[in-house]
Amino acid sequence: MASQLSRTAPQAKDATVQPIAATPELPSAVPLMALSTGFWAFKTLAAAHELDLFSRLAGGAGTTVAELAEALSLHQRPAEMLLTGCAALGLLEKTGGRYRNTPLSETYLVRGKPYYFGGFVQMVDKRLYPGWGRLTEALRTNRPTTWDPAVRSSAFDGEDPMMLALFWEAMHSVSTMTARKLGEAMDFGHFRRLLDIGGGSGAYDIELCKQYGALRATVFDLPHVAAIAAGKIAEAGLTDGSRPQAATSSSSFPGITICISCR
């Protein structure tokens, strides 16, 4: 029977076997994963900053999971997750079961340090993050999502004082970084006086006066802003002892302006 099937089966035609086409290599989806979960890293940083984790660990003071849980009244599981997350982000380092600040967090995330960057972190978390969560709404309506233009003339009109304080703290953090680079890129050694019109918190003036001891700066801004500058200048130990003084205002600078000097 097998031989009969062999005799009657149709013979295959001679043909060259065609290779199976190779599947094109797909691009990696890892960049999309990183984009989709980017908020995980930021919210870990923001939560650690809000809990003052980095300031608690300032100066090399380490902590164990149990110690942090007790200090912050947290369960050990979330305390360990927070410490592990910060270590994975390069904000903490772990040695022998103890977590300590890395040079990055020790320099920029400890309150009171000269280059404290926490103000910007806090402003992004409390002021900008909620608005970006409504980005699709903003695109469809062509309206801001963090303030209502129907009842306010600008984002700062009638703003919560706490949010305004966050804004100025954030601007000071960012400006300090820029001012340091400005002082390194440009030689201010030939100058003795600096007038900073619209100088805000005085970040540029503080940093430049630190780098150039003979430089004397004056911040020229609105009263409520100049008050912030006065506080920052005093914190930096650069005040010359003078008090804010009212300066002549004009149509270009409506309202009373203030001069603050720092040596």
Protein backbone atom coordinates (compact mmCIF):
# COMPACT_ATOMS: atom_id res chain seq x y z
CA MET A 1 0.00 0.00 0.00
CA ALA A 2 2.80 2.35 0.85
CA SER A 3 4.49 1.60 -2.48
CA GLN A 4 1.20 2.25 -4.29
CA LEU A 5 0.88 5.67 -2.63
CA SER A 6 4.42 6.37 -3.57
CA ARG A 7 3.73 5.61 -7.21
CA THR A 8 0.52 7.65 -7.42
CA ALA A 9 1.50 10.69 -5.39
CA PRO A 10 2.15 13.78 -7.53
CA GLN A 11 5.79 14.59 -7.92
CA ALA A 12 6.97 17.94 -6.57
CA LYS A 13 8.18 20.33 -9.19
CA ASP A 14 11.76 21.44 -9.06
CA ALA A 15 11.81 24.86 -7.37
CA THR A 16 14.21 26.93 -5.37
CA VAL A 17 13.20 27.14 -1.73
CA GLN A 18 12.46 30.78 -0.84
CA PRO A 19 13.91 31.95 2.52
CA ILE A 20 11.52 33.34 5.08
CA ALA A 21 11.76 37.10 5.15
CA ALA A 22 13.45 38.35 8.31
CA THR A 23 11.22 40.28 10.68
CA PRO A 24 12.38 43.93 10.88
CA GLU A 25 13.93 44.74 14.22
CA LEU A 26 11.50 46.77 16.28
CA PRO A 27 12.61 49.93 18.05
CA SER A 28 12.93 49.60 21.80
CA ALA A 29 9.94 50.68 23.87
CA VAL A 30 12.20 51.58 26.79
CA PRO A 31 12.09 55.34 26.00
CA LEU A 32 8.29 55.22 26.16
CA MET A 33 8.46 53.39 29.46
CA ALA A 34 10.78 56.07 30.82
CA LEU A 35 8.47 58.84 29.60
CA SER A 36 5.36 57.15 30.99
CA THR A 37 6.81 56.62 34.45
CA GLY A 38 8.86 59.79 34.76
CA PHE A 39 6.54 61.07 37.47
CA TRP A 40 7.53 58.17 39.70
CA ALA A 41 11.02 59.60 40.10
CA PHE A 42 9.84 63.17 40.61
CA LYS A 43 7.16 62.31 43.17
CA THR A 44 9.69 60.23 45.11
CA LEU A 45 11.98 63.26 45.23
CA ALA A 46 9.09 65.57 46.13
CA ALA A 47 7.84 63.31 48.93
CA ALA A 48 11.32 62.94 50.41
CA HIS A 49 11.80 66.70 50.31
CA GLU A 50 8.40 67.38 51.86
CA LEU A 51 9.27 65.00 54.71
CA ASP A 52 12.60 66.84 55.16
CA LEU A 53 14.49 63.60 54.64
CA PHE A 54 17.63 65.22 53.23
CA SER A 55 17.79 67.89 55.91
CA ARG A 56 17.43 65.19 58.56
CA LEU A 57 20.44 63.41 57.12
CA ALA A 58 22.57 66.54 56.71
CA GLY A 59 26.19 66.40 57.74
CA GLY A 60 26.54 62.65 57.34
CA ALA A 61 23.88 61.64 59.83
CA GLY A 62 22.68 58.32 58.50
CA THR A 63 19.46 56.48 59.19
CA THR A 64 18.16 52.95 59.13
CA VAL A 65 14.69 52.01 57.95
CA ALA A 66 13.53 51.52 61.53
CA GLU A 67 14.94 54.85 62.69
CA LEU A 68 13.29 56.77 59.86
CA ALA A 69 9.98 55.01 60.37
CA GLU A 70 10.00 56.04 64.03
CA ALA A 71 11.14 59.60 63.33
CA LEU A 72 8.45 60.24 60.69
CA SER A 73 5.73 58.06 62.27
CA LEU A 74 5.67 55.83 59.20
CA HIS A 75 5.22 52.09 58.86
CA GLN A 76 8.48 50.36 58.07
CA ARG A 77 7.35 49.21 54.61
CA PRO A 78 6.77 52.72 53.16
CA ALA A 79 9.85 54.01 55.00
CA GLU A 80 11.95 51.35 53.29
CA MET A 81 10.34 52.10 49.92
CA LEU A 82 11.17 55.79 50.27
CA LEU A 83 14.79 55.15 51.21
CA THR A 84 15.23 52.53 48.50
CA GLY A 85 13.67 54.81 45.88
CA CYS A 86 15.93 57.71 46.81
CA ALA A 87 18.97 55.45 46.72
CA ALA A 88 17.99 54.21 43.25
CA LEU A 89 17.72 57.83 42.09
CA GLY A 90 21.20 58.69 43.35
CA LEU A 91 19.91 60.88 46.16
CA LEU A 92 20.98 58.56 48.98
CA GLU A 93 23.69 55.95 49.37
CA LYS A 94 23.38 52.80 51.45
CA THR A 95 26.24 51.40 53.50
CA GLY A 96 25.79 48.60 56.01
CA GLY A 97 22.06 49.13 56.35
CA ARG A 98 22.33 52.90 56.84
CA TYR A 99 21.31 55.52 54.30
CA ARG A 100 23.15 58.81 53.89
CA ASN A 101 22.91 61.82 51.60
CA THR A 102 24.92 61.73 48.42
CA PRO A 103 26.97 64.85 47.53
CA LEU A 104 24.12 65.88 45.20
CA SER A 105 21.42 65.92 47.87
CA GLU A 106 23.77 67.24 50.56
CA THR A 107 24.63 70.24 48.37
CA TYR A 108 21.23 71.11 46.92
CA LEU A 109 18.46 69.57 49.04
CA VAL A 110 19.43 70.48 52.60
CA ARG A 111 17.57 73.53 53.87
CA GLY A 112 19.80 76.47 54.68
CA LYS A 113 22.63 75.43 52.36
CA PRO A 114 23.90 78.22 50.04
CA TYR A 115 22.74 76.43 46.88
CA TYR A 116 19.53 74.96 48.26
CA PHE A 117 17.36 73.86 45.33
CA GLY A 118 14.43 72.56 47.32
CA GLY A 119 12.35 75.65 46.64
CA PHE A 120 12.14 74.76 42.98
CA VAL A 121 11.25 71.14 43.78
CA GLN A 122 8.46 72.28 46.07
CA MET A 123 7.09 74.83 43.60
CA VAL A 124 6.96 72.28 40.79
CA ASP A 125 5.23 69.79 43.07
CA LYS A 126 2.63 72.12 44.58
CA ARG A 127 2.11 74.72 41.84
CA LEU A 128 2.93 73.18 38.45
CA TYR A 129 2.29 69.46 38.86
CA PRO A 130 -1.49 69.80 39.35
CA GLY A 131 -1.77 72.07 36.30
CA TRP A 132 0.16 69.71 34.06
CA GLY A 133 -2.25 66.98 35.12
CA ARG A 134 -4.91 68.94 33.20
CA LEU A 135 -2.83 69.53 30.07
CA THR A 136 -5.44 68.03 27.71
CA GLU A 137 -8.05 70.41 29.13
CA ALA A 138 -5.70 73.36 28.60
CA LEU A 139 -5.09 72.35 24.99
CA ARG A 140 -8.80 72.03 24.25
CA THR A 141 -9.89 75.25 25.96
CA ASN A 142 -6.83 77.46 25.33
CA ARG A 143 -7.05 78.53 28.98
CA PRO A 144 -4.70 78.18 31.94
CA THR A 145 -5.49 75.47 34.45
CA THR A 146 -3.83 76.90 37.56
CA TRP A 147 -5.76 80.19 37.62
CA ASP A 148 -8.98 81.60 36.14
CA PRO A 149 -8.46 84.53 33.72
CA ALA A 150 -12.16 85.41 34.09
CA VAL A 151 -11.61 86.59 37.66
CA ARG A 152 -7.87 87.32 37.78
CA SER A 153 -5.68 89.49 35.57
CA SER A 154 -2.61 87.29 35.94
CA ALA A 155 -1.31 84.19 37.66
CA PHE A 156 -0.07 86.41 40.51
CA ASP A 157 -3.23 88.47 41.03
CA GLY A 158 -4.87 87.32 44.24
CA GLU A 159 -2.56 84.31 44.46
CA ASP A 160 -2.33 82.39 47.70
CA PRO A 161 0.55 83.92 49.69
CA MET A 162 1.94 80.46 50.29
CA MET A 163 2.06 79.78 46.56
CA LEU A 164 3.72 83.14 45.93
CA ALA A 165 6.34 82.31 48.53
CA LEU A 166 6.94 78.99 46.76
CA PHE A 167 7.33 80.80 43.45
CA TRP A 168 9.93 83.23 44.75
CA GLU A 169 11.82 80.48 46.55
CA ALA A 170 11.90 78.50 43.32
CA MET A 171 13.10 81.46 41.28
CA HIS A 172 15.82 82.12 43.83
CA SER A 173 16.98 78.50 43.57
CA VAL A 174 17.20 78.58 39.78
CA SER A 175 18.70 82.07 39.60
CA THR A 176 21.45 81.20 42.06
CA MET A 177 22.65 78.43 39.75
CA THR A 178 22.64 80.76 36.75
CA ALA A 179 24.32 83.58 38.66
CA ARG A 180 27.17 81.33 39.73
CA LYS A 181 27.86 80.42 36.10
CA LEU A 182 27.59 84.08 35.08
CA GLY A 183 30.23 85.03 37.62
CA GLU A 184 32.51 82.29 36.29
CA ALA A 185 31.99 83.22 32.63
CA MET A 186 32.30 87.01 32.99
CA ASP A 187 34.93 88.95 34.92
CA PHE A 188 33.24 91.41 37.27
CA GLY A 189 36.53 92.29 38.93
CA HIS A 190 36.70 95.60 37.06
CA PHE A 191 33.38 96.82 38.51
CA ARG A 192 32.58 98.25 41.91
CA ARG A 193 28.82 98.92 41.67
CA LEU A 194 25.97 96.85 40.25
CA LEU A 195 22.38 98.02 39.81
CA ASP A 196 19.97 95.11 39.34
CA ILE A 197 16.67 96.48 38.00
CA GLY A 198 13.88 93.99 38.59
CA GLY A 199 16.35 92.01 40.66
CA GLY A 200 13.74 89.85 42.38
CA SER A 201 15.09 87.96 45.36
CA GLY A 202 18.61 89.29 44.76
CA ALA A 203 20.01 85.89 43.81
CA TYR A 204 22.31 87.32 41.13
CA ASP A 205 23.56 90.07 43.42
CA ILE A 206 24.21 87.71 46.32
CA GLU A 207 26.15 85.24 44.21
CA LEU A 208 28.19 87.88 42.37
CA CYS A 209 29.04 89.71 45.59
CA LYS A 210 30.22 86.41 47.06
CA GLN A 211 32.50 85.83 44.08
CA TYR A 212 33.75 89.41 43.87
CA GLY A 213 34.40 90.84 47.31
CA ALA A 214 34.81 94.48 46.13
CA LEU A 215 31.45 94.51 44.33
CA ARG A 216 28.51 96.37 45.88
CA ALA A 217 25.05 95.67 44.47
CA THR A 218 21.67 97.36 44.67
CA VAL A 219 18.39 95.56 44.00
CA PHE A 220 15.63 97.72 42.48
CA ASP A 221 12.16 96.19 42.60
CA LEU A 222 8.61 96.45 43.95
CA PRO A 223 8.15 96.65 47.72
CA HIS A 224 6.91 93.11 48.36
CA VAL A 225 9.67 91.69 46.17
CA ALA A 226 12.37 93.86 47.73
CA ALA A 227 11.32 92.58 51.14
CA ILE A 228 12.13 89.08 49.95
CA ALA A 229 15.49 90.30 48.63
CA ALA A 230 16.26 91.93 51.97
CA GLY A 231 15.66 88.64 53.75
CA LYS A 232 17.81 86.67 51.33
CA ILE A 233 20.64 89.19 51.53
CA ALA A 234 20.53 89.06 55.32
CA GLU A 235 20.59 85.25 55.27
CA ALA A 236 23.68 85.37 53.07
CA GLY A 237 25.42 87.70 55.55
CA LEU A 238 25.93 90.37 52.90
CA THR A 239 23.79 93.19 54.25
CA ASP A 240 25.50 96.54 54.71
CA GLY A 241 23.18 97.45 57.53
CA SER A 242 21.04 99.81 55.48
CA ARG A 243 17.27 99.55 55.40
CA PRO A 244 15.05 99.44 52.33
CA GLN A 245 14.48 102.91 50.92
CA ALA A 246 11.77 104.16 48.60
CA ALA A 247 13.02 105.20 45.18
CA THR A 248 11.46 107.50 42.61
CA SER A 249 8.83 105.69 40.52
CA SER A 250 7.77 106.48 36.97
CA SER A 251 5.23 105.35 34.40
CA SER A 252 7.64 102.63 33.35
CA PHE A 253 7.73 101.24 36.88
CA PRO A 254 4.28 101.89 38.37
CA GLY A 255 4.04 101.91 42.15
CA ILE A 256 6.73 102.43 44.73
CA THR A 257 10.01 100.73 44.08
CA ILE A 258 12.61 99.81 46.64
CA CYS A 259 16.38 99.78 46.74
CA ILE A 260 18.20 97.17 48.81
CA SER A 261 21.98 97.28 49.02
CA CYS A 262 24.35 94.45 49.71
CA ARG A 263 28.11 94.69 50.00
